[in-house]
Amino acid sequence: MSDARSVRLLVLDVDGVLTDAGIIYSEDGVEHKRFCARDGAGIVAWRRLGNRVAILSGRTSSTVERRARELGIEVVVQGSKDKLADLRTIVDRCGCTLDETAMMGDDWPDLPAMMACHYRITVADACQDVRSIADFVARHRGGHGAVREAIEHLLLEQGRLAEAQSCFVA
């Protein structure tokens, strides 16, 4: 099993990780996504401690760009046809190595990139192939606090959970 203590970069898939994998279209064709506020607070704390977060998605959505801006996530790759190649680009852009990178995915398209990462994280409702290679499987489903749970796990392993919690105490 890999060690979570060296993780500095967390790469997140969107559909099935940051969301519940549902895709909702309004009558006028606008796509809607539901994000978990607790996931957002975890991402903010992770970043405040000097760590990096990136988004790597096979789909493209303006909603994802907006949520990334709200959370201060600067590296966002959408419409990925080759998540492994795009992961390598993300790692370089963030000034990290794969040995310092965790990826959180949930389905077959995430497998190649997850396999290249030092630490692999998934959600409770991920496909079995992803669950079988994960170093950590959240108890929560995608879009329902799994990212927050993963961040708390990483911070606990790094001995920094209390420091993260203090980011929100005046």
N, C-alpha and C. Protein backbone atom coordinates (compact mmCIF):
# COMPACT_ATOMS: atom_id res chain seq x y z
N MET A 1 0.84 -1.19 0.00
CA MET A 1 0.00 0.00 0.00
C MET A 1 0.88 1.25 0.00
N SER A 2 0.49 2.24 -0.77
CA SER A 2 1.24 3.49 -0.86
C SER A 2 1.05 4.34 0.39
N ASP A 3 1.92 5.29 0.54
CA ASP A 3 1.94 6.15 1.71
C ASP A 3 1.35 7.52 1.38
N ALA A 4 0.35 7.95 2.16
CA ALA A 4 -0.33 9.22 1.92
C ALA A 4 0.47 10.42 2.41
N ARG A 5 1.50 10.19 3.18
CA ARG A 5 2.21 11.32 3.81
C ARG A 5 2.94 12.22 2.82
N SER A 6 3.29 11.71 1.65
CA SER A 6 4.05 12.53 0.70
C SER A 6 3.17 13.29 -0.29
N VAL A 7 1.86 13.14 -0.21
CA VAL A 7 0.96 13.76 -1.19
C VAL A 7 0.90 15.28 -1.00
N ARG A 8 1.17 16.00 -2.09
CA ARG A 8 1.06 17.46 -2.12
C ARG A 8 0.08 17.94 -3.18
N LEU A 9 -0.21 17.08 -4.15
CA LEU A 9 -1.11 17.42 -5.25
C LEU A 9 -2.25 16.41 -5.28
N LEU A 10 -3.47 16.91 -5.24
CA LEU A 10 -4.66 16.07 -5.34
C LEU A 10 -5.35 16.39 -6.66
N VAL A 11 -5.45 15.38 -7.53
CA VAL A 11 -6.09 15.53 -8.83
C VAL A 11 -7.47 14.88 -8.74
N LEU A 12 -8.49 15.64 -9.11
CA LEU A 12 -9.87 15.19 -8.96
C LEU A 12 -10.58 15.05 -10.30
N ASP A 13 -11.23 13.91 -10.50
CA ASP A 13 -12.19 13.74 -11.58
C ASP A 13 -13.44 14.53 -11.16
N VAL A 14 -14.34 14.78 -12.08
CA VAL A 14 -15.55 15.54 -11.75
C VAL A 14 -16.76 14.63 -11.60
N ASP A 15 -17.25 14.09 -12.72
CA ASP A 15 -18.49 13.31 -12.68
C ASP A 15 -18.25 11.99 -11.95
N GLY A 16 -18.92 11.84 -10.82
CA GLY A 16 -18.76 10.65 -9.99
C GLY A 16 -17.83 10.86 -8.81
N VAL A 17 -17.11 11.97 -8.79
CA VAL A 17 -16.21 12.30 -7.67
C VAL A 17 -16.66 13.60 -7.03
N LEU A 18 -16.55 14.71 -7.75
CA LEU A 18 -17.04 15.99 -7.24
C LEU A 18 -18.56 16.09 -7.36
N THR A 19 -19.15 15.27 -8.23
CA THR A 19 -20.60 15.22 -8.37
C THR A 19 -21.06 13.77 -8.20
N ASP A 20 -22.37 13.57 -8.22
CA ASP A 20 -22.92 12.22 -8.06
C ASP A 20 -22.98 11.45 -9.37
N ALA A 21 -22.34 11.94 -10.40
CA ALA A 21 -22.27 11.32 -11.73
C ALA A 21 -23.53 11.57 -12.55
N GLY A 22 -24.51 12.25 -11.99
CA GLY A 22 -25.69 12.60 -12.75
C GLY A 22 -25.42 13.80 -13.64
N ILE A 23 -26.02 13.81 -14.80
CA ILE A 23 -25.91 14.94 -15.72
C ILE A 23 -27.32 15.42 -15.99
N ILE A 24 -27.59 16.67 -15.64
CA ILE A 24 -28.93 17.21 -15.78
C ILE A 24 -28.90 18.32 -16.83
N TYR A 25 -29.83 18.23 -17.80
CA TYR A 25 -29.96 19.27 -18.81
C TYR A 25 -31.30 19.96 -18.62
N SER A 26 -31.29 21.29 -18.67
CA SER A 26 -32.55 22.03 -18.63
C SER A 26 -33.18 21.98 -20.02
N GLU A 27 -34.40 22.47 -20.13
CA GLU A 27 -35.12 22.47 -21.41
C GLU A 27 -34.34 23.21 -22.49
N ASP A 28 -33.57 24.24 -22.09
CA ASP A 28 -32.82 25.01 -23.08
C ASP A 28 -31.42 24.43 -23.32
N GLY A 29 -31.16 23.22 -22.81
CA GLY A 29 -29.90 22.53 -23.09
C GLY A 29 -28.75 22.87 -22.17
N VAL A 30 -28.99 23.67 -21.16
CA VAL A 30 -27.93 24.05 -20.22
C VAL A 30 -27.69 22.89 -19.25
N GLU A 31 -26.42 22.56 -19.06
CA GLU A 31 -26.05 21.47 -18.16
C GLU A 31 -25.95 21.99 -16.72
N HIS A 32 -26.45 21.20 -15.80
CA HIS A 32 -26.40 21.55 -14.37
C HIS A 32 -25.68 20.44 -13.62
N LYS A 33 -24.90 20.83 -12.62
CA LYS A 33 -24.20 19.88 -11.77
C LYS A 33 -24.42 20.30 -10.32
N ARG A 34 -24.43 19.32 -9.44
CA ARG A 34 -24.59 19.56 -8.00
C ARG A 34 -23.27 19.24 -7.33
N PHE A 35 -22.73 20.20 -6.58
CA PHE A 35 -21.48 20.02 -5.84
C PHE A 35 -21.76 20.03 -4.35
N CYS A 36 -20.95 19.33 -3.59
CA CYS A 36 -21.09 19.26 -2.13
C CYS A 36 -20.27 20.38 -1.49
N ALA A 37 -20.92 21.21 -0.67
CA ALA A 37 -20.24 22.33 -0.01
C ALA A 37 -19.13 21.84 0.92
N ARG A 38 -19.33 20.71 1.57
CA ARG A 38 -18.28 20.19 2.47
C ARG A 38 -17.03 19.79 1.69
N ASP A 39 -17.22 19.25 0.49
CA ASP A 39 -16.06 18.98 -0.36
C ASP A 39 -15.29 20.28 -0.60
N GLY A 40 -16.04 21.34 -0.88
CA GLY A 40 -15.41 22.64 -1.13
C GLY A 40 -14.61 23.14 0.05
N ALA A 41 -15.16 23.01 1.25
CA ALA A 41 -14.43 23.45 2.45
C ALA A 41 -13.15 22.64 2.63
N GLY A 42 -13.21 21.35 2.33
CA GLY A 42 -12.02 20.52 2.42
C GLY A 42 -10.96 20.95 1.42
N ILE A 43 -11.38 21.26 0.20
CA ILE A 43 -10.45 21.72 -0.83
C ILE A 43 -9.80 23.03 -0.41
N VAL A 44 -10.60 23.94 0.13
CA VAL A 44 -10.06 25.23 0.59
C VAL A 44 -9.02 25.01 1.69
N ALA A 45 -9.30 24.16 2.65
CA ALA A 45 -8.35 23.88 3.73
C ALA A 45 -7.08 23.24 3.18
N TRP A 46 -7.22 22.27 2.30
CA TRP A 46 -6.06 21.60 1.69
C TRP A 46 -5.15 22.63 1.00
N ARG A 47 -5.76 23.54 0.28
CA ARG A 47 -4.99 24.58 -0.42
C ARG A 47 -4.36 25.56 0.56
N ARG A 48 -5.09 25.93 1.61
CA ARG A 48 -4.54 26.89 2.59
C ARG A 48 -3.30 26.34 3.28
N LEU A 49 -3.18 25.03 3.32
CA LEU A 49 -2.00 24.42 3.93
C LEU A 49 -0.84 24.30 2.93
N GLY A 50 -1.01 24.90 1.77
CA GLY A 50 0.08 24.94 0.80
C GLY A 50 0.08 23.81 -0.22
N ASN A 51 -0.96 23.01 -0.22
CA ASN A 51 -1.07 21.91 -1.18
C ASN A 51 -1.77 22.38 -2.45
N ARG A 52 -1.70 21.56 -3.48
CA ARG A 52 -2.30 21.89 -4.77
C ARG A 52 -3.48 20.97 -5.07
N VAL A 53 -4.43 21.48 -5.84
CA VAL A 53 -5.58 20.72 -6.33
C VAL A 53 -5.71 21.00 -7.82
N ALA A 54 -6.00 19.96 -8.58
CA ALA A 54 -6.26 20.11 -10.01
C ALA A 54 -7.49 19.29 -10.36
N ILE A 55 -8.15 19.69 -11.43
CA ILE A 55 -9.31 18.96 -11.94
C ILE A 55 -8.93 18.35 -13.28
N LEU A 56 -9.30 17.08 -13.45
CA LEU A 56 -9.06 16.36 -14.70
C LEU A 56 -10.33 15.62 -15.08
N SER A 57 -11.00 16.10 -16.13
CA SER A 57 -12.30 15.56 -16.50
C SER A 57 -12.36 15.20 -17.97
N GLY A 58 -13.07 14.15 -18.27
CA GLY A 58 -13.28 13.77 -19.66
C GLY A 58 -14.36 14.59 -20.35
N ARG A 59 -15.19 15.24 -19.56
CA ARG A 59 -16.26 16.07 -20.12
C ARG A 59 -15.86 17.54 -19.98
N THR A 60 -16.62 18.41 -20.63
CA THR A 60 -16.38 19.84 -20.56
C THR A 60 -17.66 20.54 -20.11
N SER A 61 -17.53 21.41 -19.11
CA SER A 61 -18.69 22.11 -18.57
C SER A 61 -18.27 23.46 -18.00
N SER A 62 -19.01 24.49 -18.34
CA SER A 62 -18.73 25.82 -17.77
C SER A 62 -18.99 25.82 -16.27
N THR A 63 -19.86 24.95 -15.81
CA THR A 63 -20.15 24.85 -14.38
C THR A 63 -18.91 24.42 -13.61
N VAL A 64 -18.13 23.53 -14.19
CA VAL A 64 -16.89 23.08 -13.55
C VAL A 64 -15.89 24.22 -13.46
N GLU A 65 -15.78 25.00 -14.52
CA GLU A 65 -14.88 26.17 -14.50
C GLU A 65 -15.29 27.13 -13.38
N ARG A 66 -16.58 27.37 -13.25
CA ARG A 66 -17.07 28.28 -12.21
C ARG A 66 -16.73 27.75 -10.82
N ARG A 67 -17.01 26.47 -10.59
CA ARG A 67 -16.74 25.89 -9.26
C ARG A 67 -15.24 25.92 -8.97
N ALA A 68 -14.42 25.64 -9.95
CA ALA A 68 -12.97 25.70 -9.76
C ALA A 68 -12.52 27.10 -9.37
N ARG A 69 -13.05 28.12 -10.04
CA ARG A 69 -12.72 29.52 -9.68
C ARG A 69 -13.11 29.82 -8.25
N GLU A 70 -14.33 29.39 -7.85
CA GLU A 70 -14.80 29.63 -6.49
C GLU A 70 -13.86 29.02 -5.44
N LEU A 71 -13.27 27.89 -5.78
CA LEU A 71 -12.42 27.18 -4.82
C LEU A 71 -10.94 27.51 -4.99
N GLY A 72 -10.61 28.35 -5.96
CA GLY A 72 -9.21 28.72 -6.18
C GLY A 72 -8.39 27.65 -6.85
N ILE A 73 -9.04 26.74 -7.56
CA ILE A 73 -8.33 25.69 -8.28
C ILE A 73 -7.90 26.28 -9.63
N GLU A 74 -6.59 26.39 -9.82
CA GLU A 74 -6.06 27.06 -11.00
C GLU A 74 -5.85 26.13 -12.19
N VAL A 75 -5.60 24.86 -11.92
CA VAL A 75 -5.31 23.92 -13.00
C VAL A 75 -6.55 23.06 -13.25
N VAL A 76 -7.18 23.28 -14.40
CA VAL A 76 -8.40 22.56 -14.78
C VAL A 76 -8.23 22.06 -16.21
N VAL A 77 -8.29 20.76 -16.38
CA VAL A 77 -8.23 20.16 -17.71
C VAL A 77 -9.55 19.44 -17.93
N GLN A 78 -10.29 19.90 -18.94
CA GLN A 78 -11.58 19.30 -19.29
C GLN A 78 -11.50 18.77 -20.72
N GLY A 79 -12.41 17.86 -21.03
CA GLY A 79 -12.45 17.28 -22.37
C GLY A 79 -11.28 16.35 -22.63
N SER A 80 -10.71 15.79 -21.58
CA SER A 80 -9.54 14.93 -21.73
C SER A 80 -9.89 13.65 -22.48
N LYS A 81 -9.12 13.36 -23.49
CA LYS A 81 -9.24 12.09 -24.24
C LYS A 81 -8.16 11.11 -23.80
N ASP A 82 -7.14 11.61 -23.10
CA ASP A 82 -6.04 10.78 -22.61
C ASP A 82 -5.66 11.28 -21.22
N LYS A 83 -6.31 10.74 -20.22
CA LYS A 83 -6.13 11.23 -18.85
C LYS A 83 -4.70 11.01 -18.34
N LEU A 84 -4.03 9.99 -18.80
CA LEU A 84 -2.65 9.76 -18.37
C LEU A 84 -1.73 10.87 -18.89
N ALA A 85 -1.84 11.18 -20.16
CA ALA A 85 -1.02 12.26 -20.74
C ALA A 85 -1.36 13.60 -20.08
N ASP A 86 -2.65 13.85 -19.87
CA ASP A 86 -3.05 15.10 -19.25
C ASP A 86 -2.62 15.16 -17.78
N LEU A 87 -2.62 14.03 -17.10
CA LEU A 87 -2.12 13.99 -15.73
C LEU A 87 -0.65 14.42 -15.68
N ARG A 88 0.14 13.91 -16.59
CA ARG A 88 1.57 14.28 -16.62
C ARG A 88 1.75 15.78 -16.83
N THR A 89 0.92 16.36 -17.69
CA THR A 89 0.96 17.81 -17.91
C THR A 89 0.58 18.56 -16.64
N ILE A 90 -0.45 18.09 -15.96
CA ILE A 90 -0.89 18.73 -14.71
C ILE A 90 0.22 18.68 -13.67
N VAL A 91 0.83 17.54 -13.50
CA VAL A 91 1.90 17.37 -12.51
C VAL A 91 3.03 18.36 -12.80
N ASP A 92 3.42 18.48 -14.06
CA ASP A 92 4.46 19.43 -14.44
C ASP A 92 4.04 20.87 -14.15
N ARG A 93 2.81 21.22 -14.52
CA ARG A 93 2.31 22.58 -14.29
C ARG A 93 2.28 22.94 -12.81
N CYS A 94 2.01 21.95 -11.97
CA CYS A 94 1.92 22.18 -10.52
C CYS A 94 3.27 22.10 -9.82
N GLY A 95 4.31 21.75 -10.55
CA GLY A 95 5.64 21.67 -9.96
C GLY A 95 5.79 20.51 -8.99
N CYS A 96 5.07 19.45 -9.24
CA CYS A 96 5.13 18.26 -8.38
C CYS A 96 5.64 17.08 -9.18
N THR A 97 5.74 15.94 -8.52
CA THR A 97 6.07 14.69 -9.18
C THR A 97 4.91 13.73 -8.99
N LEU A 98 4.91 12.65 -9.74
CA LEU A 98 3.88 11.63 -9.57
C LEU A 98 3.97 11.00 -8.18
N ASP A 99 5.16 11.00 -7.60
CA ASP A 99 5.34 10.46 -6.24
C ASP A 99 4.70 11.35 -5.17
N GLU A 100 4.34 12.58 -5.54
CA GLU A 100 3.69 13.50 -4.61
C GLU A 100 2.21 13.70 -4.97
N THR A 101 1.71 12.86 -5.88
CA THR A 101 0.38 13.06 -6.44
C THR A 101 -0.58 11.95 -6.04
N ALA A 102 -1.79 12.37 -5.64
CA ALA A 102 -2.91 11.45 -5.44
C ALA A 102 -3.95 11.79 -6.48
N MET A 103 -4.60 10.76 -7.00
CA MET A 103 -5.71 10.99 -7.92
C MET A 103 -6.95 10.31 -7.36
N MET A 104 -8.06 11.04 -7.48
CA MET A 104 -9.34 10.52 -7.04
C MET A 104 -10.24 10.38 -8.25
N GLY A 105 -10.51 9.13 -8.64
CA GLY A 105 -11.36 8.83 -9.77
C GLY A 105 -12.39 7.78 -9.39
N ASP A 106 -13.26 7.44 -10.34
CA ASP A 106 -14.34 6.51 -10.01
C ASP A 106 -14.68 5.51 -11.10
N ASP A 107 -14.11 5.65 -12.31
CA ASP A 107 -14.57 4.80 -13.41
C ASP A 107 -13.41 4.46 -14.35
N TRP A 108 -13.68 3.58 -15.31
CA TRP A 108 -12.65 3.09 -16.21
C TRP A 108 -11.77 4.16 -16.83
N PRO A 109 -12.31 5.29 -17.32
CA PRO A 109 -11.43 6.29 -17.94
C PRO A 109 -10.36 6.84 -16.99
N ASP A 110 -10.57 6.70 -15.68
CA ASP A 110 -9.62 7.21 -14.69
C ASP A 110 -8.47 6.24 -14.40
N LEU A 111 -8.65 4.98 -14.74
CA LEU A 111 -7.69 3.95 -14.35
C LEU A 111 -6.24 4.22 -14.78
N PRO A 112 -5.96 4.55 -16.05
CA PRO A 112 -4.55 4.75 -16.42
C PRO A 112 -3.87 5.85 -15.61
N ALA A 113 -4.56 6.96 -15.43
CA ALA A 113 -3.97 8.07 -14.65
C ALA A 113 -3.82 7.68 -13.18
N MET A 114 -4.83 7.02 -12.63
CA MET A 114 -4.74 6.60 -11.23
C MET A 114 -3.57 5.66 -11.02
N MET A 115 -3.38 4.73 -11.95
CA MET A 115 -2.29 3.75 -11.82
C MET A 115 -0.92 4.42 -11.82
N ALA A 116 -0.80 5.57 -12.48
CA ALA A 116 0.48 6.27 -12.54
C ALA A 116 0.78 7.06 -11.28
N CYS A 117 -0.25 7.32 -10.47
CA CYS A 117 -0.09 8.15 -9.28
C CYS A 117 0.45 7.34 -8.10
N HIS A 118 1.10 8.05 -7.21
CA HIS A 118 1.63 7.44 -6.00
C HIS A 118 0.51 6.95 -5.08
N TYR A 119 -0.58 7.71 -5.03
CA TYR A 119 -1.66 7.37 -4.12
C TYR A 119 -2.97 7.45 -4.86
N ARG A 120 -3.81 6.42 -4.70
CA ARG A 120 -5.05 6.31 -5.46
C ARG A 120 -6.24 6.32 -4.51
N ILE A 121 -7.19 7.18 -4.81
CA ILE A 121 -8.35 7.37 -3.95
C ILE A 121 -9.61 7.21 -4.80
N THR A 122 -10.65 6.66 -4.18
CA THR A 122 -11.92 6.55 -4.90
C THR A 122 -13.10 6.74 -3.96
N VAL A 123 -14.26 6.76 -4.54
CA VAL A 123 -15.52 6.96 -3.82
C VAL A 123 -16.18 5.62 -3.54
N ALA A 124 -17.13 5.62 -2.63
CA ALA A 124 -17.80 4.38 -2.23
C ALA A 124 -18.51 3.69 -3.38
N ASP A 125 -19.05 4.48 -4.31
CA ASP A 125 -19.83 3.91 -5.40
C ASP A 125 -19.05 3.81 -6.72
N ALA A 126 -17.73 3.76 -6.63
CA ALA A 126 -16.90 3.61 -7.82
C ALA A 126 -17.08 2.21 -8.42
N CYS A 127 -16.69 2.06 -9.67
CA CYS A 127 -16.73 0.74 -10.28
C CYS A 127 -15.69 -0.16 -9.59
N GLN A 128 -15.92 -1.44 -9.63
CA GLN A 128 -15.08 -2.40 -8.90
C GLN A 128 -13.63 -2.35 -9.36
N ASP A 129 -13.38 -2.14 -10.64
CA ASP A 129 -11.99 -2.08 -11.12
C ASP A 129 -11.22 -0.95 -10.47
N VAL A 130 -11.86 0.18 -10.26
CA VAL A 130 -11.21 1.32 -9.60
C VAL A 130 -11.06 1.03 -8.10
N ARG A 131 -12.10 0.50 -7.49
CA ARG A 131 -12.02 0.17 -6.06
C ARG A 131 -10.88 -0.80 -5.77
N SER A 132 -10.64 -1.72 -6.69
CA SER A 132 -9.62 -2.75 -6.45
C SER A 132 -8.19 -2.21 -6.46
N ILE A 133 -7.95 -1.06 -7.09
CA ILE A 133 -6.58 -0.51 -7.12
C ILE A 133 -6.41 0.66 -6.14
N ALA A 134 -7.47 1.05 -5.46
CA ALA A 134 -7.42 2.23 -4.59
C ALA A 134 -6.67 1.93 -3.29
N ASP A 135 -5.89 2.92 -2.87
CA ASP A 135 -5.24 2.87 -1.56
C ASP A 135 -6.21 3.29 -0.46
N PHE A 136 -7.18 4.14 -0.84
CA PHE A 136 -8.20 4.59 0.10
C PHE A 136 -9.53 4.67 -0.62
N VAL A 137 -10.55 4.03 -0.05
CA VAL A 137 -11.91 4.08 -0.57
C VAL A 137 -12.77 4.83 0.44
N ALA A 138 -13.29 5.96 0.03
CA ALA A 138 -14.15 6.76 0.92
C ALA A 138 -15.43 5.99 1.23
N ARG A 139 -15.99 6.25 2.38
CA ARG A 139 -17.29 5.67 2.74
C ARG A 139 -18.43 6.42 2.05
N HIS A 140 -18.17 7.66 1.66
CA HIS A 140 -19.19 8.48 1.00
C HIS A 140 -19.16 8.27 -0.51
N ARG A 141 -20.32 8.51 -1.12
CA ARG A 141 -20.45 8.44 -2.57
C ARG A 141 -19.95 9.74 -3.19
N GLY A 142 -19.68 9.68 -4.48
CA GLY A 142 -19.29 10.87 -5.22
C GLY A 142 -20.36 11.95 -5.12
N GLY A 143 -19.93 13.19 -4.91
CA GLY A 143 -20.86 14.31 -4.80
C GLY A 143 -21.54 14.42 -3.46
N HIS A 144 -21.19 13.55 -2.52
CA HIS A 144 -21.83 13.52 -1.19
C HIS A 144 -20.79 13.52 -0.07
N GLY A 145 -19.69 14.24 -0.27
CA GLY A 145 -18.69 14.37 0.79
C GLY A 145 -17.50 13.45 0.67
N ALA A 146 -17.37 12.71 -0.42
CA ALA A 146 -16.24 11.79 -0.58
C ALA A 146 -14.91 12.54 -0.70
N VAL A 147 -14.90 13.68 -1.38
CA VAL A 147 -13.67 14.45 -1.53
C VAL A 147 -13.23 14.98 -0.16
N ARG A 148 -14.16 15.50 0.60
CA ARG A 148 -13.85 15.98 1.95
C ARG A 148 -13.28 14.86 2.81
N GLU A 149 -13.90 13.68 2.74
CA GLU A 149 -13.42 12.53 3.50
C GLU A 149 -12.00 12.15 3.07
N ALA A 150 -11.73 12.18 1.78
CA ALA A 150 -10.40 11.86 1.27
C ALA A 150 -9.36 12.87 1.76
N ILE A 151 -9.73 14.15 1.74
CA ILE A 151 -8.81 15.19 2.21
C ILE A 151 -8.55 15.02 3.71
N GLU A 152 -9.58 14.75 4.47
CA GLU A 152 -9.39 14.51 5.90
C GLU A 152 -8.48 13.31 6.13
N HIS A 153 -8.63 12.27 5.34
CA HIS A 153 -7.77 11.09 5.43
C HIS A 153 -6.31 11.47 5.16
N LEU A 154 -6.08 12.20 4.07
CA LEU A 154 -4.71 12.61 3.74
C LEU A 154 -4.12 13.45 4.86
N LEU A 155 -4.88 14.42 5.35
CA LEU A 155 -4.38 15.30 6.40
C LEU A 155 -4.14 14.56 7.71
N LEU A 156 -4.98 13.61 8.03
CA LEU A 156 -4.78 12.79 9.22
C LEU A 156 -3.48 12.00 9.10
N GLU A 157 -3.27 11.39 7.95
CA GLU A 157 -2.04 10.62 7.71
C GLU A 157 -0.80 11.51 7.78
N GLN A 158 -0.96 12.77 7.40
CA GLN A 158 0.16 13.72 7.41
C GLN A 158 0.30 14.44 8.74
N GLY A 159 -0.59 14.16 9.68
CA GLY A 159 -0.54 14.82 10.99
C GLY A 159 -0.92 16.28 10.92
N ARG A 160 -1.78 16.65 9.97
CA ARG A 160 -2.11 18.06 9.75
C ARG A 160 -3.61 18.35 9.84
N LEU A 161 -4.39 17.39 10.32
CA LEU A 161 -5.84 17.59 10.35
C LEU A 161 -6.23 18.75 11.25
N ALA A 162 -5.66 18.83 12.45
CA ALA A 162 -5.98 19.93 13.36
C ALA A 162 -5.58 21.28 12.75
N GLU A 163 -4.47 21.30 12.05
CA GLU A 163 -4.03 22.53 11.38
C GLU A 163 -5.05 22.96 10.32
N ALA A 164 -5.59 22.00 9.59
CA ALA A 164 -6.59 22.31 8.58
C ALA A 164 -7.86 22.83 9.21
N GLN A 165 -8.27 22.22 10.29
CA GLN A 165 -9.48 22.67 10.99
C GLN A 165 -9.31 24.08 11.51
N SER A 166 -8.09 24.42 11.93
CA SER A 166 -7.85 25.77 12.47
C SER A 166 -7.90 26.85 11.38
N CYS A 167 -7.88 26.46 10.12
CA CYS A 167 -8.00 27.44 9.03
C CYS A 167 -9.33 28.18 9.10
N PHE A 168 -10.32 27.59 9.75
CA PHE A 168 -11.66 28.17 9.78
C PHE A 168 -12.02 28.75 11.15
N VAL A 169 -11.08 28.73 12.08
CA VAL A 169 -11.34 29.26 13.42
C VAL A 169 -10.69 30.63 13.54
N ALA A 170 -11.49 31.61 13.94
CA ALA A 170 -10.98 32.99 14.02
C ALA A 170 -10.12 33.18 15.26
